[in-house]
């Protein structure tokens, strides 16, 4: 997983992404949190980011059945 993330870091950074974080739970489910500065940046980056994340499924680093997409606003960061 780390090798794939390192390879896609540049392409994702070029999208104007504030950050993309990946976490794996004890049950091997994964969570990806992508933060963008605004809605326009989010929409512009969606296709490229999804293609990059798709590699994790294609290369067997993550189970595609765990993918769930949703959108929300950060209400507080601490």
Protein backbone atom coordinates (compact mmCIF):
# COMPACT_ATOMS: atom_id res chain seq x y z
CA UNK A 1 0.00 0.00 0.00
CA UNK A 2 2.80 2.43 0.89
CA UNK A 3 4.60 1.85 -2.41
CA UNK A 4 1.46 2.64 -4.39
CA UNK A 5 0.78 5.75 -2.30
CA UNK A 6 4.32 6.99 -2.83
CA UNK A 7 3.96 6.54 -6.60
CA UNK A 8 0.70 8.51 -6.85
CA UNK A 9 1.67 11.27 -4.39
CA UNK A 10 2.87 13.67 -7.11
CA UNK A 11 -0.18 13.32 -9.34
CA UNK A 12 -2.53 13.80 -6.42
CA UNK A 13 -0.55 16.79 -5.10
CA UNK A 14 -0.85 18.47 -8.49
CA UNK A 15 -4.66 18.41 -8.12
CA UNK A 16 -4.65 21.04 -5.40
CA UNK A 17 -5.46 18.52 -2.70
CA UNK A 18 -4.85 19.69 0.86
CA UNK A 19 -4.32 16.08 1.92
CA UNK A 20 -5.41 12.53 1.30
CA UNK A 21 -5.23 10.22 4.28
CA UNK A 22 -5.66 6.48 4.32
CA UNK A 23 -6.36 4.39 7.39
CA UNK A 24 -6.80 0.66 7.83
CA UNK A 25 -8.89 -0.75 10.66
CA UNK A 26 -8.22 -3.88 12.68
CA UNK A 27 -10.70 -5.69 10.44
CA UNK A 28 -8.71 -4.65 7.33
CA UNK A 29 -11.37 -2.21 6.16
CA UNK A 30 -9.97 0.98 4.70
CA UNK A 31 -10.93 4.61 4.94
CA UNK A 32 -9.75 7.38 2.63
CA UNK A 33 -10.23 11.03 3.57
CA UNK A 34 -9.45 13.57 0.87
CA UNK A 35 -9.43 17.24 1.81
CA UNK A 36 -9.64 20.02 -0.76
CA UNK A 37 -9.63 23.79 -0.27
CA UNK A 38 -13.01 24.26 -1.95
CA UNK A 39 -15.80 22.52 -3.85
CA UNK A 40 -14.41 23.49 -7.27
CA UNK A 41 -11.08 21.82 -6.44
CA UNK A 42 -12.92 18.73 -5.25
CA UNK A 43 -14.92 18.43 -8.45
CA UNK A 44 -11.88 19.04 -10.65
CA UNK A 45 -9.86 16.37 -8.84
CA UNK A 46 -12.49 13.65 -8.47
CA UNK A 47 -11.78 11.64 -11.62
CA UNK A 48 -7.99 11.72 -11.22
CA UNK A 49 -8.15 10.89 -7.51
CA UNK A 50 -10.54 7.98 -8.10
CA UNK A 51 -8.26 6.61 -10.83
CA UNK A 52 -5.30 6.82 -8.48
CA UNK A 53 -7.19 5.10 -5.66
CA UNK A 54 -8.41 2.42 -8.07
CA UNK A 55 -4.83 1.11 -8.20
CA UNK A 56 -5.16 -0.03 -4.59
CA UNK A 57 -7.98 -2.34 -5.67
CA UNK A 58 -6.38 -3.50 -8.91
CA UNK A 59 -3.12 -4.39 -7.19
CA UNK A 60 -4.85 -6.14 -4.29
CA UNK A 61 -3.84 -3.66 -1.58
CA UNK A 62 -7.50 -3.02 -0.66
CA UNK A 63 -10.80 -4.83 -1.03
CA UNK A 64 -13.11 -2.95 -3.45
CA UNK A 65 -16.18 -4.09 -1.52
CA UNK A 66 -15.14 -1.73 1.28
CA UNK A 67 -15.41 1.39 -0.91
CA UNK A 68 -18.09 3.87 0.09
CA UNK A 69 -18.12 7.40 -1.26
CA UNK A 70 -19.66 10.38 0.54
CA UNK A 71 -19.13 14.12 0.73
CA UNK A 72 -19.24 16.37 3.75
CA UNK A 73 -17.82 19.47 5.33
CA UNK A 74 -15.19 19.57 8.03
CA UNK A 75 -16.83 21.13 11.02
CA UNK A 76 -13.79 21.15 13.27
CA UNK A 77 -10.16 20.02 13.17
CA UNK A 78 -8.19 19.54 16.35
